[in-house]
């Protein structure tokens, strides 16, 4: 069926809310940025068209 991913635009408020709920921190309180530590997160939003095309 092809690519199931779409580009969505998130406000900074939504990014902060997602980080607050899903971000993982190590024992020193630093944000874990290793992709292997995270599973997918479903985000709802409006489709953003690529204005360059």
PDB file of N, CA and C in Angstrom:
ATOM      1  N   UNK A   1       0.812  -1.196   0.000  1.00  0.00           N
ATOM      2  CA  UNK A   1       0.000   0.000   0.000  1.00  0.00           C
ATOM      3  C   UNK A   1       0.856   1.260   0.000  1.00  0.00           C
ATOM      4  N   UNK A   2       2.155   1.149   0.155  1.00  0.00           N
ATOM      5  CA  UNK A   2       2.984   2.349   0.095  1.00  0.00           C
ATOM      6  C   UNK A   2       3.265   2.937   1.451  1.00  0.00           C
ATOM      7  N   UNK A   3       3.611   4.210   1.428  1.00  0.00           N
ATOM      8  CA  UNK A   3       4.004   4.917   2.642  1.00  0.00           C
ATOM      9  C   UNK A   3       2.774   5.314   3.461  1.00  0.00           C
ATOM     10  N   UNK A   4       2.725   4.868   4.708  1.00  0.00           N
ATOM     11  CA  UNK A   4       1.606   5.185   5.589  1.00  0.00           C
ATOM     12  C   UNK A   4       1.871   6.434   6.417  1.00  0.00           C
ATOM     13  N   UNK A   5       2.977   7.117   6.195  1.00  0.00           N
ATOM     14  CA  UNK A   5       3.335   8.290   6.981  1.00  0.00           C
ATOM     15  C   UNK A   5       2.938   9.566   6.252  1.00  0.00           C
ATOM     16  N   UNK A   6       2.463  10.530   7.016  1.00  0.00           N
ATOM     17  CA  UNK A   6       2.163  11.846   6.467  1.00  0.00           C
ATOM     18  C   UNK A   6       2.886  12.879   7.305  1.00  0.00           C
ATOM     19  N   UNK A   7       3.103  14.035   6.741  1.00  0.00           N
ATOM     20  CA  UNK A   7       3.745  15.136   7.455  1.00  0.00           C
ATOM     21  C   UNK A   7       2.664  15.945   8.154  1.00  0.00           C
ATOM     22  N   UNK A   8       2.811  16.147   9.461  1.00  0.00           N
ATOM     23  CA  UNK A   8       1.874  16.972  10.216  1.00  0.00           C
ATOM     24  C   UNK A   8       2.633  18.100  10.887  1.00  0.00           C
ATOM     25  N   UNK A   9       1.935  19.163  11.180  1.00  0.00           N
ATOM     26  CA  UNK A   9       2.541  20.309  11.854  1.00  0.00           C
ATOM     27  C   UNK A   9       2.088  20.302  13.302  1.00  0.00           C
ATOM     28  N   UNK A  10       3.048  20.363  14.231  1.00  0.00           N
ATOM     29  CA  UNK A  10       2.748  20.374  15.662  1.00  0.00           C
ATOM     30  C   UNK A  10       3.132  21.722  16.243  1.00  0.00           C
ATOM     31  N   UNK A  11       2.275  22.247  17.093  1.00  0.00           N
ATOM     32  CA  UNK A  11       2.628  23.485  17.784  1.00  0.00           C
ATOM     33  C   UNK A  11       3.680  23.168  18.841  1.00  0.00           C
ATOM     34  N   UNK A  12       4.373  24.193  19.307  1.00  0.00           N
ATOM     35  CA  UNK A  12       5.352  23.985  20.375  1.00  0.00           C
ATOM     36  C   UNK A  12       4.668  23.464  21.634  1.00  0.00           C
ATOM     37  N   UNK A  13       3.423  23.872  21.855  1.00  0.00           N
ATOM     38  CA  UNK A  13       2.660  23.376  22.997  1.00  0.00           C
ATOM     39  C   UNK A  13       2.490  21.861  22.905  1.00  0.00           C
ATOM     40  N   UNK A  14       2.151  21.367  21.708  1.00  0.00           N
ATOM     41  CA  UNK A  14       1.966  19.921  21.535  1.00  0.00           C
ATOM     42  C   UNK A  14       3.279  19.167  21.705  1.00  0.00           C
ATOM     43  N   UNK A  15       4.379  19.723  21.192  1.00  0.00           N
ATOM     44  CA  UNK A  15       5.682  19.080  21.364  1.00  0.00           C
ATOM     45  C   UNK A  15       6.014  18.978  22.854  1.00  0.00           C
ATOM     46  N   UNK A  16       5.781  20.056  23.592  1.00  0.00           N
ATOM     47  CA  UNK A  16       6.053  20.050  25.036  1.00  0.00           C
ATOM     48  C   UNK A  16       5.167  19.023  25.747  1.00  0.00           C
ATOM     49  N   UNK A  17       3.892  18.935  25.354  1.00  0.00           N
ATOM     50  CA  UNK A  17       2.975  17.982  25.978  1.00  0.00           C
ATOM     51  C   UNK A  17       3.402  16.542  25.692  1.00  0.00           C
ATOM     52  N   UNK A  18       3.836  16.275  24.469  1.00  0.00           N
ATOM     53  CA  UNK A  18       4.303  14.932  24.110  1.00  0.00           C
ATOM     54  C   UNK A  18       5.554  14.582  24.900  1.00  0.00           C
ATOM     55  N   UNK A  19       6.491  15.524  24.994  1.00  0.00           N
ATOM     56  CA  UNK A  19       7.713  15.265  25.759  1.00  0.00           C
ATOM     57  C   UNK A  19       7.400  15.015  27.232  1.00  0.00           C
ATOM     58  N   UNK A  20       6.466  15.801  27.783  1.00  0.00           N
ATOM     59  CA  UNK A  20       6.123  15.634  29.191  1.00  0.00           C
ATOM     60  C   UNK A  20       5.553  14.242  29.450  1.00  0.00           C
ATOM     61  N   UNK A  21       4.776  13.737  28.511  1.00  0.00           N
ATOM     62  CA  UNK A  21       4.129  12.439  28.707  1.00  0.00           C
ATOM     63  C   UNK A  21       5.022  11.258  28.351  1.00  0.00           C
ATOM     64  N   UNK A  22       5.843  11.388  27.296  1.00  0.00           N
ATOM     65  CA  UNK A  22       6.539  10.233  26.751  1.00  0.00           C
ATOM     66  C   UNK A  22       8.055  10.237  26.887  1.00  0.00           C
ATOM     67  N   UNK A  23       8.670  11.388  27.173  1.00  0.00           N
ATOM     68  CA  UNK A  23      10.136  11.448  27.198  1.00  0.00           C
ATOM     69  C   UNK A  23      10.703  10.582  28.315  1.00  0.00           C
ATOM     70  N   UNK A  24      11.860  10.021  28.053  1.00  0.00           N
ATOM     71  CA  UNK A  24      12.562   9.201  29.034  1.00  0.00           C
ATOM     72  C   UNK A  24      13.851   9.911  29.432  1.00  0.00           C
ATOM     73  N   UNK A  25      14.183   9.830  30.694  1.00  0.00           N
ATOM     74  CA  UNK A  25      15.380  10.475  31.219  1.00  0.00           C
ATOM     75  C   UNK A  25      16.252   9.439  31.915  1.00  0.00           C
ATOM     76  N   UNK A  26      17.565   9.617  31.832  1.00  0.00           N
ATOM     77  CA  UNK A  26      18.473   8.694  32.505  1.00  0.00           C
ATOM     78  C   UNK A  26      18.597   9.059  33.983  1.00  0.00           C
ATOM     79  N   UNK A  27      19.439   8.325  34.691  1.00  0.00           N
ATOM     80  CA  UNK A  27      19.567   8.527  36.139  1.00  0.00           C
ATOM     81  C   UNK A  27      20.129   9.896  36.507  1.00  0.00           C
ATOM     82  N   UNK A  28      20.779  10.570  35.547  1.00  0.00           N
ATOM     83  CA  UNK A  28      21.297  11.918  35.792  1.00  0.00           C
ATOM     84  C   UNK A  28      20.286  13.007  35.426  1.00  0.00           C
ATOM     85  N   UNK A  29      19.116  12.587  34.958  1.00  0.00           N
ATOM     86  CA  UNK A  29      18.093  13.558  34.578  1.00  0.00           C
ATOM     87  C   UNK A  29      18.237  14.093  33.168  1.00  0.00           C
ATOM     88  N   UNK A  30      19.145  13.491  32.385  1.00  0.00           N
ATOM     89  CA  UNK A  30      19.331  13.924  30.996  1.00  0.00           C
ATOM     90  C   UNK A  30      18.351  13.193  30.083  1.00  0.00           C
ATOM     91  N   UNK A  31      17.858  13.908  29.084  1.00  0.00           N
ATOM     92  CA  UNK A  31      16.928  13.326  28.121  1.00  0.00           C
ATOM     93  C   UNK A  31      17.610  12.214  27.334  1.00  0.00           C
ATOM     94  N   UNK A  32      16.954  11.058  27.242  1.00  0.00           N
ATOM     95  CA  UNK A  32      17.466   9.959  26.434  1.00  0.00           C
ATOM     96  C   UNK A  32      17.058  10.215  24.992  1.00  0.00           C
ATOM     97  N   UNK A  33      18.034  10.306  24.108  1.00  0.00           N
ATOM     98  CA  UNK A  33      17.753  10.588  22.705  1.00  0.00           C
ATOM     99  C   UNK A  33      18.001   9.377  21.811  1.00  0.00           C
ATOM    100  N   UNK A  34      18.387   8.247  22.381  1.00  0.00           N
ATOM    101  CA  UNK A  34      18.621   7.040  21.608  1.00  0.00           C
ATOM    102  C   UNK A  34      17.287   6.490  21.105  1.00  0.00           C
ATOM    103  N   UNK A  35      17.144   6.371  19.811  1.00  0.00           N
ATOM    104  CA  UNK A  35      15.878   5.947  19.203  1.00  0.00           C
ATOM    105  C   UNK A  35      15.449   4.554  19.661  1.00  0.00           C
ATOM    106  N   UNK A  36      16.382   3.695  20.042  1.00  0.00           N
ATOM    107  CA  UNK A  36      16.027   2.340  20.466  1.00  0.00           C
ATOM    108  C   UNK A  36      15.215   2.330  21.757  1.00  0.00           C
ATOM    109  N   UNK A  37      15.249   3.409  22.510  1.00  0.00           N
ATOM    110  CA  UNK A  37      14.528   3.476  23.781  1.00  0.00           C
ATOM    111  C   UNK A  37      13.044   3.800  23.594  1.00  0.00           C
ATOM    112  N   UNK A  38      12.659   4.238  22.407  1.00  0.00           N
ATOM    113  CA  UNK A  38      11.312   4.744  22.178  1.00  0.00           C
ATOM    114  C   UNK A  38      10.550   3.908  21.170  1.00  0.00           C
ATOM    115  N   UNK A  39       9.256   3.743  21.418  1.00  0.00           N
ATOM    116  CA  UNK A  39       8.359   3.141  20.440  1.00  0.00           C
ATOM    117  C   UNK A  39       7.650   4.245  19.686  1.00  0.00           C
ATOM    118  N   UNK A  40       6.836   3.889  18.694  1.00  0.00           N
ATOM    119  CA  UNK A  40       6.120   4.903  17.934  1.00  0.00           C
ATOM    120  C   UNK A  40       5.038   5.584  18.770  1.00  0.00           C
ATOM    121  N   UNK A  41       4.775   6.832  18.478  1.00  0.00           N
ATOM    122  CA  UNK A  41       3.713   7.601  19.121  1.00  0.00           C
ATOM    123  C   UNK A  41       2.761   8.046  18.018  1.00  0.00           C
ATOM    124  N   UNK A  42       1.478   7.774  18.197  1.00  0.00           N
ATOM    125  CA  UNK A  42       0.489   8.189  17.201  1.00  0.00           C
ATOM    126  C   UNK A  42       0.089   9.630  17.487  1.00  0.00           C
ATOM    127  N   UNK A  43       0.187  10.458  16.469  1.00  0.00           N
ATOM    128  CA  UNK A  43      -0.133  11.877  16.594  1.00  0.00           C
ATOM    129  C   UNK A  43      -1.221  12.209  15.585  1.00  0.00           C
ATOM    130  N   UNK A  44      -2.246  12.894  16.043  1.00  0.00           N
ATOM    131  CA  UNK A  44      -3.290  13.344  15.130  1.00  0.00           C
ATOM    132  C   UNK A  44      -3.045  14.798  14.778  1.00  0.00           C
ATOM    133  N   UNK A  45      -3.301  15.152  13.551  1.00  0.00           N
ATOM    134  CA  UNK A  45      -3.119  16.527  13.137  1.00  0.00           C
ATOM    135  C   UNK A  45      -3.617  16.720  11.724  1.00  0.00           C
ATOM    136  N   UNK A  46      -3.488  17.938  11.239  1.00  0.00           N
ATOM    137  CA  UNK A  46      -3.913  18.201   9.867  1.00  0.00           C
ATOM    138  C   UNK A  46      -2.745  17.983   8.925  1.00  0.00           C
ATOM    139  N   UNK A  47      -3.053  17.515   7.744  1.00  0.00           N
ATOM    140  CA  UNK A  47      -2.036  17.245   6.739  1.00  0.00           C
ATOM    141  C   UNK A  47      -1.393  18.550   6.298  1.00  0.00           C
ATOM    142  N   UNK A  48      -0.062  18.564   6.239  1.00  0.00           N
ATOM    143  CA  UNK A  48       0.677  19.743   5.791  1.00  0.00           C
ATOM    144  C   UNK A  48       1.188  19.454   4.391  1.00  0.00           C
ATOM    145  N   UNK A  49       0.856  20.309   3.455  1.00  0.00           N
ATOM    146  CA  UNK A  49       1.349  20.114   2.093  1.00  0.00           C
ATOM    147  C   UNK A  49       2.769  20.632   1.983  1.00  0.00           C
ATOM    148  N   UNK A  50       3.507  20.032   1.100  1.00  0.00           N
ATOM    149  CA  UNK A  50       4.874  20.467   0.853  1.00  0.00           C
ATOM    150  C   UNK A  50       4.822  21.607  -0.155  1.00  0.00           C
ATOM    151  N   UNK A  51       5.002  22.828   0.303  1.00  0.00           N
ATOM    152  CA  UNK A  51       4.849  23.998  -0.546  1.00  0.00           C
ATOM    153  C   UNK A  51       5.966  24.166  -1.556  1.00  0.00           C
ATOM    154  N   UNK A  52       7.038  23.375  -1.438  1.00  0.00           N
ATOM    155  CA  UNK A  52       8.147  23.470  -2.383  1.00  0.00           C
ATOM    156  C   UNK A  52       7.821  22.819  -3.706  1.00  0.00           C
ATOM    157  N   UNK A  53       6.839  21.951  -3.750  1.00  0.00           N
ATOM    158  CA  UNK A  53       6.482  21.251  -5.004  1.00  0.00           C
ATOM    159  C   UNK A  53       5.372  21.952  -5.732  1.00  0.00           C
TER     160      UNK A  53
END
